[in-house]
Amino acid sequence: MAAGQCDVCDKRTTFGRAIRHKHSGAWRRKAPKTNREFRPNVHKKKMFVEGRWKRINVCTRCLRTQSKEMQGAGVPY
């Protein structure tokens, strides 16, 4: 598995709260909240960076953008 951080856009793991909602009936107390992590979808990929091939950790959003740029430039990916 690749590291939890994108080398291109610096996207990394963030933290938040998960709130469970009751769908019917009256609440006796507040909604239970638990801490959770939001992890980026990061892959280890061999890409053409600064004139040479390099293996980097890249999130899927950057991967999609880079592949479009490389197609436009005529570089095989």
Protein backbone atom coordinates (compact mmCIF):
# COMPACT_ATOMS: atom_id res chain seq x y z
CA MET A 1 0.00 0.00 0.00
CA ALA A 2 1.19 3.48 -0.80
CA ALA A 3 1.79 6.17 1.80
CA GLY A 4 -1.25 8.14 2.95
CA GLN A 5 -0.12 11.35 1.24
CA CYS A 6 -0.12 12.48 -2.39
CA ASP A 7 3.27 13.72 -3.66
CA VAL A 8 1.61 15.97 -6.26
CA CYS A 9 -1.10 17.90 -4.38
CA ASP A 10 -0.08 17.15 -0.76
CA LYS A 11 -3.50 15.64 0.02
CA ARG A 12 -3.30 13.67 3.28
CA THR A 13 -5.40 11.99 5.94
CA THR A 14 -7.88 14.33 7.65
CA PHE A 15 -9.97 13.77 10.74
CA GLY A 16 -13.65 14.37 11.41
CA ARG A 17 -16.69 13.07 13.25
CA ALA A 18 -19.13 10.32 12.28
CA ILE A 19 -22.68 10.98 13.49
CA ARG A 20 -25.23 8.17 13.65
CA HIS A 21 -28.80 9.26 12.93
CA LYS A 22 -31.87 7.43 14.13
CA HIS A 23 -34.39 7.12 11.28
CA SER A 24 -37.59 6.79 13.29
CA GLY A 25 -38.83 7.34 16.84
CA ALA A 26 -37.99 9.94 19.43
CA TRP A 27 -34.46 10.62 20.64
CA ARG A 28 -33.75 9.95 24.31
CA ARG A 29 -30.30 11.54 24.08
CA LYS A 30 -28.07 13.31 21.56
CA ALA A 31 -26.83 11.50 18.46
CA PRO A 32 -23.70 9.45 19.25
CA LYS A 33 -20.57 10.88 17.61
CA THR A 34 -17.32 9.02 17.04
CA ASN A 35 -13.98 10.19 15.64
CA ARG A 36 -12.96 8.89 12.22
CA GLU A 37 -10.37 9.34 9.47
CA PHE A 38 -10.87 10.43 5.87
CA ARG A 39 -8.06 8.82 3.86
CA PRO A 40 -7.21 9.85 0.28
CA ASN A 41 -7.23 7.21 -2.44
CA VAL A 42 -3.44 7.10 -3.01
CA HIS A 43 -1.62 4.76 -5.41
CA LYS A 44 2.05 4.15 -6.11
CA LYS A 45 2.53 4.98 -9.79
CA LYS A 46 5.45 5.33 -12.20
CA MET A 47 5.10 8.72 -13.92
CA PHE A 48 7.08 11.03 -16.18
CA VAL A 49 8.25 13.87 -13.89
CA GLU A 50 10.76 16.61 -14.79
CA GLY A 51 12.01 14.81 -17.92
CA ARG A 52 12.43 11.34 -16.39
CA TRP A 53 10.37 8.41 -15.13
CA LYS A 54 9.87 8.40 -11.37
CA ARG A 55 7.78 6.28 -8.95
CA ILE A 56 5.55 8.54 -6.85
CA ASN A 57 2.54 8.32 -4.56
CA VAL A 58 -0.37 9.99 -6.34
CA CYS A 59 -4.07 10.35 -5.50
CA THR A 60 -6.63 9.31 -8.10
CA ARG A 61 -7.70 12.90 -8.81
CA CYS A 62 -4.12 13.92 -9.67
CA LEU A 63 -3.63 10.67 -11.59
CA ARG A 64 -6.61 11.50 -13.78
CA THR A 65 -5.39 15.06 -14.37
CA GLN A 66 -1.80 13.95 -15.11
CA SER A 67 -2.93 11.28 -17.57
CA LYS A 68 -4.96 13.91 -19.48
CA GLU A 69 -1.94 16.26 -19.58
CA MET A 70 0.36 13.46 -20.74
CA GLN A 71 -2.07 12.43 -23.47
CA GLY A 72 -2.15 16.02 -24.73
CA ALA A 73 1.65 16.18 -24.75
CA GLY A 74 1.95 12.82 -26.57
CA VAL A 75 3.82 11.04 -23.78
CA PRO A 76 2.91 7.34 -23.37
CA TYR A 77 1.56 6.54 -19.91
